[in-house]
mmCIF file of all heavy atoms, coordinates in Angstrom:
data_MODEL
# 
_entry.id   MODEL 
# 
loop_
_atom_site.group_PDB 
_atom_site.id 
_atom_site.type_symbol 
_atom_site.label_atom_id 
_atom_site.label_alt_id 
_atom_site.label_comp_id 
_atom_site.label_asym_id 
_atom_site.label_entity_id 
_atom_site.label_seq_id 
_atom_site.pdbx_PDB_ins_code 
_atom_site.Cartn_x 
_atom_site.Cartn_y 
_atom_site.Cartn_z 
_atom_site.occupancy 
_atom_site.B_iso_or_equiv 
_atom_site.pdbx_formal_charge 
_atom_site.auth_seq_id 
_atom_site.auth_comp_id 
_atom_site.auth_asym_id 
_atom_site.auth_atom_id 
_atom_site.pdbx_PDB_model_num 
ATOM 1   N N   . GLU A 1 1  ? 10.180 3.551   9.811   1.00 0.00 ? 1  GLU A N   1 
ATOM 2   C CA  . GLU A 1 1  ? 8.982  4.374   9.679   1.00 0.00 ? 1  GLU A CA  1 
ATOM 3   C C   . GLU A 1 1  ? 8.048  4.120   10.855  1.00 0.00 ? 1  GLU A C   1 
ATOM 4   O O   . GLU A 1 1  ? 7.965  2.991   11.354  1.00 0.00 ? 1  GLU A O   1 
ATOM 5   C CB  . GLU A 1 1  ? 8.213  4.069   8.389   1.00 0.00 ? 1  GLU A CB  1 
ATOM 6   C CG  . GLU A 1 1  ? 8.927  4.447   7.111   1.00 0.00 ? 1  GLU A CG  1 
ATOM 7   C CD  . GLU A 1 1  ? 9.032  5.944   6.893   1.00 0.00 ? 1  GLU A CD  1 
ATOM 8   O OE1 . GLU A 1 1  ? 8.283  6.701   7.538   1.00 0.00 ? 1  GLU A OE1 1 
ATOM 9   O OE2 . GLU A 1 1  ? 9.865  6.353   6.053   1.00 0.00 ? 1  GLU A OE2 1 
ATOM 10  N N   . ALA A 1 2  ? 7.333  5.153   11.267  1.00 0.00 ? 2  ALA A N   1 
ATOM 11  C CA  . ALA A 1 2  ? 6.226  4.985   12.212  1.00 0.00 ? 2  ALA A CA  1 
ATOM 12  C C   . ALA A 1 2  ? 5.038  4.425   11.444  1.00 0.00 ? 2  ALA A C   1 
ATOM 13  O O   . ALA A 1 2  ? 4.765  4.850   10.315  1.00 0.00 ? 2  ALA A O   1 
ATOM 14  C CB  . ALA A 1 2  ? 5.863  6.322   12.842  1.00 0.00 ? 2  ALA A CB  1 
ATOM 15  N N   . ILE A 1 3  ? 4.345  3.473   12.030  1.00 0.00 ? 3  ILE A N   1 
ATOM 16  C CA  . ILE A 1 3  ? 3.161  2.903   11.391  1.00 0.00 ? 3  ILE A CA  1 
ATOM 17  C C   . ILE A 1 3  ? 1.990  3.836   11.655  1.00 0.00 ? 3  ILE A C   1 
ATOM 18  O O   . ILE A 1 3  ? 1.647  4.115   12.805  1.00 0.00 ? 3  ILE A O   1 
ATOM 19  C CB  . ILE A 1 3  ? 2.884  1.487   11.917  1.00 0.00 ? 3  ILE A CB  1 
ATOM 20  C CG1 . ILE A 1 3  ? 4.063  0.569   11.558  1.00 0.00 ? 3  ILE A CG1 1 
ATOM 21  C CG2 . ILE A 1 3  ? 1.582  0.937   11.340  1.00 0.00 ? 3  ILE A CG2 1 
ATOM 22  C CD1 . ILE A 1 3  ? 4.003  -0.796  12.204  1.00 0.00 ? 3  ILE A CD1 1 
ATOM 23  N N   . ARG A 1 4  ? 1.391  4.332   10.592  1.00 0.00 ? 4  ARG A N   1 
ATOM 24  C CA  . ARG A 1 4  ? 0.323  5.330   10.681  1.00 0.00 ? 4  ARG A CA  1 
ATOM 25  C C   . ARG A 1 4  ? -0.564 5.199   9.450   1.00 0.00 ? 4  ARG A C   1 
ATOM 26  O O   . ARG A 1 4  ? -0.196 4.509   8.492   1.00 0.00 ? 4  ARG A O   1 
ATOM 27  C CB  . ARG A 1 4  ? 0.934  6.732   10.764  1.00 0.00 ? 4  ARG A CB  1 
ATOM 28  C CG  . ARG A 1 4  ? 1.818  7.073   9.590   1.00 0.00 ? 4  ARG A CG  1 
ATOM 29  C CD  . ARG A 1 4  ? 2.711  8.273   9.868   1.00 0.00 ? 4  ARG A CD  1 
ATOM 30  N NE  . ARG A 1 4  ? 3.463  8.687   8.687   1.00 0.00 ? 4  ARG A NE  1 
ATOM 31  C CZ  . ARG A 1 4  ? 4.606  8.134   8.288   1.00 0.00 ? 4  ARG A CZ  1 
ATOM 32  N NH1 . ARG A 1 4  ? 5.116  7.115   8.954   1.00 0.00 ? 4  ARG A NH1 1 
ATOM 33  N NH2 . ARG A 1 4  ? 5.234  8.577   7.208   1.00 0.00 ? 4  ARG A NH2 1 
ATOM 34  N N   . PRO A 1 5  ? -1.733 5.839   9.431   1.00 0.00 ? 5  PRO A N   1 
ATOM 35  C CA  . PRO A 1 5  ? -2.599 5.737   8.254   1.00 0.00 ? 5  PRO A CA  1 
ATOM 36  C C   . PRO A 1 5  ? -1.929 6.300   7.000   1.00 0.00 ? 5  PRO A C   1 
ATOM 37  O O   . PRO A 1 5  ? -1.187 7.282   7.063   1.00 0.00 ? 5  PRO A O   1 
ATOM 38  C CB  . PRO A 1 5  ? -3.823 6.573   8.650   1.00 0.00 ? 5  PRO A CB  1 
ATOM 39  C CG  . PRO A 1 5  ? -3.820 6.560   10.141  1.00 0.00 ? 5  PRO A CG  1 
ATOM 40  C CD  . PRO A 1 5  ? -2.373 6.553   10.546  1.00 0.00 ? 5  PRO A CD  1 
ATOM 41  N N   . ALA A 1 6  ? -2.190 5.651   5.878   1.00 0.00 ? 6  ALA A N   1 
ATOM 42  C CA  . ALA A 1 6  ? -1.674 6.096   4.583   1.00 0.00 ? 6  ALA A CA  1 
ATOM 43  C C   . ALA A 1 6  ? -2.852 6.334   3.647   1.00 0.00 ? 6  ALA A C   1 
ATOM 44  O O   . ALA A 1 6  ? -3.807 5.548   3.620   1.00 0.00 ? 6  ALA A O   1 
ATOM 45  C CB  . ALA A 1 6  ? -0.741 5.049   3.998   1.00 0.00 ? 6  ALA A CB  1 
ATOM 46  N N   . SER A 1 7  ? -2.807 7.397   2.893   1.00 0.00 ? 7  SER A N   1 
ATOM 47  C CA  . SER A 1 7  ? -3.909 7.749   2.001   1.00 0.00 ? 7  SER A CA  1 
ATOM 48  C C   . SER A 1 7  ? -3.978 6.782   0.821   1.00 0.00 ? 7  SER A C   1 
ATOM 49  O O   . SER A 1 7  ? -2.964 6.182   0.436   1.00 0.00 ? 7  SER A O   1 
ATOM 50  C CB  . SER A 1 7  ? -3.727 9.163   1.470   1.00 0.00 ? 7  SER A CB  1 
ATOM 51  O OG  . SER A 1 7  ? -2.637 9.201   0.563   1.00 0.00 ? 7  SER A OG  1 
ATOM 52  N N   . PRO A 1 8  ? -5.161 6.626   0.218   1.00 0.00 ? 8  PRO A N   1 
ATOM 53  C CA  . PRO A 1 8  ? -5.272 5.776   -0.984  1.00 0.00 ? 8  PRO A CA  1 
ATOM 54  C C   . PRO A 1 8  ? -4.336 6.229   -2.098  1.00 0.00 ? 8  PRO A C   1 
ATOM 55  O O   . PRO A 1 8  ? -3.763 5.405   -2.807  1.00 0.00 ? 8  PRO A O   1 
ATOM 56  C CB  . PRO A 1 8  ? -6.744 5.925   -1.384  1.00 0.00 ? 8  PRO A CB  1 
ATOM 57  C CG  . PRO A 1 8  ? -7.453 6.286   -0.111  1.00 0.00 ? 8  PRO A CG  1 
ATOM 58  C CD  . PRO A 1 8  ? -6.475 7.127   0.653   1.00 0.00 ? 8  PRO A CD  1 
ATOM 59  N N   . GLY A 1 9  ? -4.143 7.549   -2.236  1.00 0.00 ? 9  GLY A N   1 
ATOM 60  C CA  . GLY A 1 9  ? -3.250 8.050   -3.274  1.00 0.00 ? 9  GLY A CA  1 
ATOM 61  C C   . GLY A 1 9  ? -1.807 7.621   -3.044  1.00 0.00 ? 9  GLY A C   1 
ATOM 62  O O   . GLY A 1 9  ? -1.110 7.228   -3.986  1.00 0.00 ? 9  GLY A O   1 
ATOM 63  N N   . LEU A 1 10 ? -1.367 7.682   -1.788  1.00 0.00 ? 10 LEU A N   1 
ATOM 64  C CA  . LEU A 1 10 ? -0.003 7.257   -1.478  1.00 0.00 ? 10 LEU A CA  1 
ATOM 65  C C   . LEU A 1 10 ? 0.145  5.764   -1.690  1.00 0.00 ? 10 LEU A C   1 
ATOM 66  O O   . LEU A 1 10 ? 1.171  5.293   -2.190  1.00 0.00 ? 10 LEU A O   1 
ATOM 67  C CB  . LEU A 1 10 ? 0.351  7.642   -0.038  1.00 0.00 ? 10 LEU A CB  1 
ATOM 68  C CG  . LEU A 1 10 ? 1.795  7.377   0.390   1.00 0.00 ? 10 LEU A CG  1 
ATOM 69  C CD1 . LEU A 1 10 ? 2.784  8.082   -0.521  1.00 0.00 ? 10 LEU A CD1 1 
ATOM 70  C CD2 . LEU A 1 10 ? 1.998  7.801   1.839   1.00 0.00 ? 10 LEU A CD2 1 
ATOM 71  N N   . ARG A 1 11 ? -0.879 5.019   -1.347  1.00 0.00 ? 11 ARG A N   1 
ATOM 72  C CA  . ARG A 1 11 ? -0.862 3.569   -1.573  1.00 0.00 ? 11 ARG A CA  1 
ATOM 73  C C   . ARG A 1 11 ? -0.689 3.265   -3.058  1.00 0.00 ? 11 ARG A C   1 
ATOM 74  O O   . ARG A 1 11 ? 0.114  2.418   -3.444  1.00 0.00 ? 11 ARG A O   1 
ATOM 75  C CB  . ARG A 1 11 ? -2.154 2.951   -1.030  1.00 0.00 ? 11 ARG A CB  1 
ATOM 76  C CG  . ARG A 1 11 ? -2.251 1.449   -1.207  1.00 0.00 ? 11 ARG A CG  1 
ATOM 77  C CD  . ARG A 1 11 ? -3.605 0.940   -0.717  1.00 0.00 ? 11 ARG A CD  1 
ATOM 78  N NE  . ARG A 1 11 ? -3.833 -0.418  -1.142  1.00 0.00 ? 11 ARG A NE  1 
ATOM 79  C CZ  . ARG A 1 11 ? -3.533 -1.483  -0.420  1.00 0.00 ? 11 ARG A CZ  1 
ATOM 80  N NH1 . ARG A 1 11 ? -2.968 -1.344  0.763   1.00 0.00 ? 11 ARG A NH1 1 
ATOM 81  N NH2 . ARG A 1 11 ? -3.791 -2.695  -0.879  1.00 0.00 ? 11 ARG A NH2 1 
ATOM 82  N N   . ARG A 1 12 ? -1.436 3.983   -3.922  1.00 0.00 ? 12 ARG A N   1 
ATOM 83  C CA  . ARG A 1 12 ? -1.324 3.763   -5.367  1.00 0.00 ? 12 ARG A CA  1 
ATOM 84  C C   . ARG A 1 12 ? 0.068  4.102   -5.882  1.00 0.00 ? 12 ARG A C   1 
ATOM 85  O O   . ARG A 1 12 ? 0.590  3.429   -6.767  1.00 0.00 ? 12 ARG A O   1 
ATOM 86  C CB  . ARG A 1 12 ? -2.368 4.588   -6.117  1.00 0.00 ? 12 ARG A CB  1 
ATOM 87  C CG  . ARG A 1 12 ? -3.779 4.021   -6.040  1.00 0.00 ? 12 ARG A CG  1 
ATOM 88  C CD  . ARG A 1 12 ? -4.713 4.706   -7.017  1.00 0.00 ? 12 ARG A CD  1 
ATOM 89  N NE  . ARG A 1 12 ? -4.830 6.135   -6.761  1.00 0.00 ? 12 ARG A NE  1 
ATOM 90  C CZ  . ARG A 1 12 ? -5.711 6.667   -5.910  1.00 0.00 ? 12 ARG A CZ  1 
ATOM 91  N NH1 . ARG A 1 12 ? -6.542 5.880   -5.236  1.00 0.00 ? 12 ARG A NH1 1 
ATOM 92  N NH2 . ARG A 1 12 ? -5.764 7.972   -5.733  1.00 0.00 ? 12 ARG A NH2 1 
ATOM 93  N N   . ARG A 1 13 ? 0.671  5.158   -5.347  1.00 0.00 ? 13 ARG A N   1 
ATOM 94  C CA  . ARG A 1 13 ? 2.003  5.559   -5.807  1.00 0.00 ? 13 ARG A CA  1 
ATOM 95  C C   . ARG A 1 13 ? 3.106  4.645   -5.274  1.00 0.00 ? 13 ARG A C   1 
ATOM 96  O O   . ARG A 1 13 ? 4.181  4.574   -5.855  1.00 0.00 ? 13 ARG A O   1 
ATOM 97  C CB  . ARG A 1 13 ? 2.290  7.008   -5.391  1.00 0.00 ? 13 ARG A CB  1 
ATOM 98  C CG  . ARG A 1 13 ? 1.476  8.025   -6.168  1.00 0.00 ? 13 ARG A CG  1 
ATOM 99  C CD  . ARG A 1 13 ? 1.970  9.432   -5.942  1.00 0.00 ? 13 ARG A CD  1 
ATOM 100 N NE  . ARG A 1 13 ? 1.865  9.878   -4.560  1.00 0.00 ? 13 ARG A NE  1 
ATOM 101 C CZ  . ARG A 1 13 ? 0.777  10.424  -4.021  1.00 0.00 ? 13 ARG A CZ  1 
ATOM 102 N NH1 . ARG A 1 13 ? -0.319 10.568  -4.751  1.00 0.00 ? 13 ARG A NH1 1 
ATOM 103 N NH2 . ARG A 1 13 ? 0.771  10.818  -2.762  1.00 0.00 ? 13 ARG A NH2 1 
ATOM 104 N N   . THR A 1 14 ? 2.829  3.950   -4.171  1.00 0.00 ? 14 THR A N   1 
ATOM 105 C CA  . THR A 1 14 ? 3.850  3.110   -3.546  1.00 0.00 ? 14 THR A CA  1 
ATOM 106 C C   . THR A 1 14 ? 4.020  1.777   -4.252  1.00 0.00 ? 14 THR A C   1 
ATOM 107 O O   . THR A 1 14 ? 5.140  1.285   -4.413  1.00 0.00 ? 14 THR A O   1 
ATOM 108 C CB  . THR A 1 14 ? 3.510  2.891   -2.060  1.00 0.00 ? 14 THR A CB  1 
ATOM 109 O OG1 . THR A 1 14 ? 3.536  4.162   -1.403  1.00 0.00 ? 14 THR A OG1 1 
ATOM 110 C CG2 . THR A 1 14 ? 4.494  1.948   -1.379  1.00 0.00 ? 14 THR A CG2 1 
ATOM 111 N N   . ALA A 1 15 ? 2.919  1.177   -4.688  1.00 0.00 ? 15 ALA A N   1 
ATOM 112 C CA  . ALA A 1 15 ? 2.994  -0.140  -5.335  1.00 0.00 ? 15 ALA A CA  1 
ATOM 113 C C   . ALA A 1 15 ? 1.776  -0.337  -6.227  1.00 0.00 ? 15 ALA A C   1 
ATOM 114 O O   . ALA A 1 15 ? 0.726  0.263   -6.006  1.00 0.00 ? 15 ALA A O   1 
ATOM 115 C CB  . ALA A 1 15 ? 3.079  -1.241  -4.281  1.00 0.00 ? 15 ALA A CB  1 
ATOM 116 N N   . ALA A 1 16 ? 1.939  -1.214  -7.213  1.00 0.00 ? 16 ALA A N   1 
ATOM 117 C CA  . ALA A 1 16 ? 0.843  -1.547  -8.121  1.00 0.00 ? 16 ALA A CA  1 
ATOM 118 C C   . ALA A 1 16 ? -0.074 -2.581  -7.472  1.00 0.00 ? 16 ALA A C   1 
ATOM 119 O O   . ALA A 1 16 ? 0.309  -3.253  -6.508  1.00 0.00 ? 16 ALA A O   1 
ATOM 120 C CB  . ALA A 1 16 ? 1.409  -2.086  -9.430  1.00 0.00 ? 16 ALA A CB  1 
ATOM 121 N N   . GLU A 1 17 ? -1.272 -2.717  -8.036  1.00 0.00 ? 17 GLU A N   1 
ATOM 122 C CA  . GLU A 1 17 ? -2.239 -3.655  -7.449  1.00 0.00 ? 17 GLU A CA  1 
ATOM 123 C C   . GLU A 1 17 ? -1.728 -5.088  -7.442  1.00 0.00 ? 17 GLU A C   1 
ATOM 124 O O   . GLU A 1 17 ? -2.009 -5.849  -6.517  1.00 0.00 ? 17 GLU A O   1 
ATOM 125 C CB  . GLU A 1 17 ? -3.585 -3.557  -8.177  1.00 0.00 ? 17 GLU A CB  1 
ATOM 126 C CG  . GLU A 1 17 ? -4.394 -2.325  -7.791  1.00 0.00 ? 17 GLU A CG  1 
ATOM 127 C CD  . GLU A 1 17 ? -4.570 -2.174  -6.275  1.00 0.00 ? 17 GLU A CD  1 
ATOM 128 O OE1 . GLU A 1 17 ? -4.930 -3.172  -5.606  1.00 0.00 ? 17 GLU A OE1 1 
ATOM 129 O OE2 . GLU A 1 17 ? -4.330 -1.072  -5.762  1.00 0.00 ? 17 GLU A OE2 1 
ATOM 130 N N   . ASN A 1 18 ? -0.980 -5.475  -8.487  1.00 0.00 ? 18 ASN A N   1 
ATOM 131 C CA  . ASN A 1 18 ? -0.467 -6.855  -8.486  1.00 0.00 ? 18 ASN A CA  1 
ATOM 132 C C   . ASN A 1 18 ? 0.567  -7.066  -7.377  1.00 0.00 ? 18 ASN A C   1 
ATOM 133 O O   . ASN A 1 18 ? 0.745  -8.181  -6.889  1.00 0.00 ? 18 ASN A O   1 
ATOM 134 C CB  . ASN A 1 18 ? 0.100  -7.234  -9.851  1.00 0.00 ? 18 ASN A CB  1 
ATOM 135 C CG  . ASN A 1 18 ? 1.291  -6.392  -10.250 1.00 0.00 ? 18 ASN A CG  1 
ATOM 136 O OD1 . ASN A 1 18 ? 1.439  -5.244  -9.829  1.00 0.00 ? 18 ASN A OD1 1 
ATOM 137 N ND2 . ASN A 1 18 ? 2.154  -6.948  -11.089 1.00 0.00 ? 18 ASN A ND2 1 
ATOM 138 N N   . GLU A 1 19 ? 1.236  -5.990  -6.941  1.00 0.00 ? 19 GLU A N   1 
ATOM 139 C CA  . GLU A 1 19 ? 2.133  -6.105  -5.799  1.00 0.00 ? 19 GLU A CA  1 
ATOM 140 C C   . GLU A 1 19 ? 1.334  -6.238  -4.507  1.00 0.00 ? 19 GLU A C   1 
ATOM 141 O O   . GLU A 1 19 ? 1.626  -7.096  -3.668  1.00 0.00 ? 19 GLU A O   1 
ATOM 142 C CB  . GLU A 1 19 ? 3.049  -4.888  -5.719  1.00 0.00 ? 19 GLU A CB  1 
ATOM 143 C CG  . GLU A 1 19 ? 4.036  -4.777  -6.867  1.00 0.00 ? 19 GLU A CG  1 
ATOM 144 C CD  . GLU A 1 19 ? 4.834  -3.498  -6.805  1.00 0.00 ? 19 GLU A CD  1 
ATOM 145 O OE1 . GLU A 1 19 ? 5.883  -3.487  -6.145  1.00 0.00 ? 19 GLU A OE1 1 
ATOM 146 O OE2 . GLU A 1 19 ? 4.383  -2.492  -7.415  1.00 0.00 ? 19 GLU A OE2 1 
ATOM 147 N N   . TRP A 1 20 ? 0.318  -5.380  -4.338  1.00 0.00 ? 20 TRP A N   1 
ATOM 148 C CA  . TRP A 1 20 ? -0.502 -5.459  -3.124  1.00 0.00 ? 20 TRP A CA  1 
ATOM 149 C C   . TRP A 1 20 ? -1.169 -6.822  -2.989  1.00 0.00 ? 20 TRP A C   1 
ATOM 150 O O   . TRP A 1 20 ? -1.382 -7.318  -1.885  1.00 0.00 ? 20 TRP A O   1 
ATOM 151 C CB  . TRP A 1 20 ? -1.568 -4.367  -3.117  1.00 0.00 ? 20 TRP A CB  1 
ATOM 152 C CG  . TRP A 1 20 ? -1.011 -2.989  -2.962  1.00 0.00 ? 20 TRP A CG  1 
ATOM 153 C CD1 . TRP A 1 20 ? -1.109 -1.952  -3.839  1.00 0.00 ? 20 TRP A CD1 1 
ATOM 154 C CD2 . TRP A 1 20 ? -0.262 -2.479  -1.850  1.00 0.00 ? 20 TRP A CD2 1 
ATOM 155 N NE1 . TRP A 1 20 ? -0.456 -0.842  -3.347  1.00 0.00 ? 20 TRP A NE1 1 
ATOM 156 C CE2 . TRP A 1 20 ? 0.064  -1.136  -2.139  1.00 0.00 ? 20 TRP A CE2 1 
ATOM 157 C CE3 . TRP A 1 20 ? 0.173  -3.031  -0.638  1.00 0.00 ? 20 TRP A CE3 1 
ATOM 158 C CZ2 . TRP A 1 20 ? 0.800  -0.336  -1.261  1.00 0.00 ? 20 TRP A CZ2 1 
ATOM 159 C CZ3 . TRP A 1 20 ? 0.909  -2.238  0.222   1.00 0.00 ? 20 TRP A CZ3 1 
ATOM 160 C CH2 . TRP A 1 20 ? 1.207  -0.912  -0.086  1.00 0.00 ? 20 TRP A CH2 1 
ATOM 161 N N   . ALA A 1 21 ? -1.472 -7.456  -4.138  1.00 0.00 ? 21 ALA A N   1 
ATOM 162 C CA  . ALA A 1 21 ? -2.146 -8.755  -4.115  1.00 0.00 ? 21 ALA A CA  1 
ATOM 163 C C   . ALA A 1 21 ? -1.261 -9.852  -3.505  1.00 0.00 ? 21 ALA A C   1 
ATOM 164 O O   . ALA A 1 21 ? -1.771 -10.916 -3.133  1.00 0.00 ? 21 ALA A O   1 
ATOM 165 C CB  . ALA A 1 21 ? -2.571 -9.150  -5.525  1.00 0.00 ? 21 ALA A CB  1 
ATOM 166 N N   . LEU A 1 22 ? 0.027  -9.604  -3.401  1.00 0.00 ? 22 LEU A N   1 
ATOM 167 C CA  . LEU A 1 22 ? 0.933  -10.591 -2.811  1.00 0.00 ? 22 LEU A CA  1 
ATOM 168 C C   . LEU A 1 22 ? 0.778  -10.698 -1.296  1.00 0.00 ? 22 LEU A C   1 
ATOM 169 O O   . LEU A 1 22 ? 1.211  -11.684 -0.692  1.00 0.00 ? 22 LEU A O   1 
ATOM 170 C CB  . LEU A 1 22 ? 2.389  -10.224 -3.122  1.00 0.00 ? 22 LEU A CB  1 
ATOM 171 C CG  . LEU A 1 22 ? 2.786  -10.213 -4.593  1.00 0.00 ? 22 LEU A CG  1 
ATOM 172 C CD1 . LEU A 1 22 ? 4.176  -9.616  -4.753  1.00 0.00 ? 22 LEU A CD1 1 
ATOM 173 C CD2 . LEU A 1 22 ? 2.738  -11.627 -5.168  1.00 0.00 ? 22 LEU A CD2 1 
ATOM 174 N N   . LEU A 1 23 ? 0.199  -9.678  -0.667  1.00 0.00 ? 23 LEU A N   1 
ATOM 175 C CA  . LEU A 1 23 ? 0.088  -9.649  0.793   1.00 0.00 ? 23 LEU A CA  1 
ATOM 176 C C   . LEU A 1 23 ? -1.153 -10.379 1.272   1.00 0.00 ? 23 LEU A C   1 
ATOM 177 O O   . LEU A 1 23 ? -2.232 -10.225 0.688   1.00 0.00 ? 23 LEU A O   1 
ATOM 178 C CB  . LEU A 1 23 ? 0.017  -8.203  1.284   1.00 0.00 ? 23 LEU A CB  1 
ATOM 179 C CG  . LEU A 1 23 ? 1.330  -7.445  1.357   1.00 0.00 ? 23 LEU A CG  1 
ATOM 180 C CD1 . LEU A 1 23 ? 1.054  -5.963  1.577   1.00 0.00 ? 23 LEU A CD1 1 
ATOM 181 C CD2 . LEU A 1 23 ? 2.204  -7.986  2.488   1.00 0.00 ? 23 LEU A CD2 1 
ATOM 182 N N   . PRO A 1 24 ? -1.021 -11.130 2.359   1.00 0.00 ? 24 PRO A N   1 
ATOM 183 C CA  . PRO A 1 24 ? -2.233 -11.678 2.981   1.00 0.00 ? 24 PRO A CA  1 
ATOM 184 C C   . PRO A 1 24 ? -3.004 -10.552 3.664   1.00 0.00 ? 24 PRO A C   1 
ATOM 185 O O   . PRO A 1 24 ? -2.471 -9.460  3.889   1.00 0.00 ? 24 PRO A O   1 
ATOM 186 C CB  . PRO A 1 24 ? -1.677 -12.669 4.014   1.00 0.00 ? 24 PRO A CB  1 
ATOM 187 C CG  . PRO A 1 24 ? -0.309 -12.150 4.324   1.00 0.00 ? 24 PRO A CG  1 
ATOM 188 C CD  . PRO A 1 24 ? 0.201  -11.492 3.072   1.00 0.00 ? 24 PRO A CD  1 
ATOM 189 N N   . ASP A 1 25 ? -4.266 -10.824 3.973   1.00 0.00 ? 25 ASP A N   1 
ATOM 190 C CA  . ASP A 1 25 ? -5.056 -9.823  4.692   1.00 0.00 ? 25 ASP A CA  1 
ATOM 191 C C   . ASP A 1 25 ? -4.413 -9.537  6.043   1.00 0.00 ? 25 ASP A C   1 
ATOM 192 O O   . ASP A 1 25 ? -3.857 -10.412 6.684   1.00 0.00 ? 25 ASP A O   1 
ATOM 193 C CB  . ASP A 1 25 ? -6.497 -10.322 4.907   1.00 0.00 ? 25 ASP A CB  1 
ATOM 194 C CG  . ASP A 1 25 ? -7.255 -10.435 3.594   1.00 0.00 ? 25 ASP A CG  1 
ATOM 195 O OD1 . ASP A 1 25 ? -6.894 -9.710  2.652   1.00 0.00 ? 25 ASP A OD1 1 
ATOM 196 O OD2 . ASP A 1 25 ? -8.185 -11.249 3.528   1.00 0.00 ? 25 ASP A OD2 1 
# 
């Protein structure tokens, strides 16, 4: 994939908040 901006809606559909919490800043 090309790295590009992703919308908040796509972010929500891609993974749950507990998954996103696994990533460091």
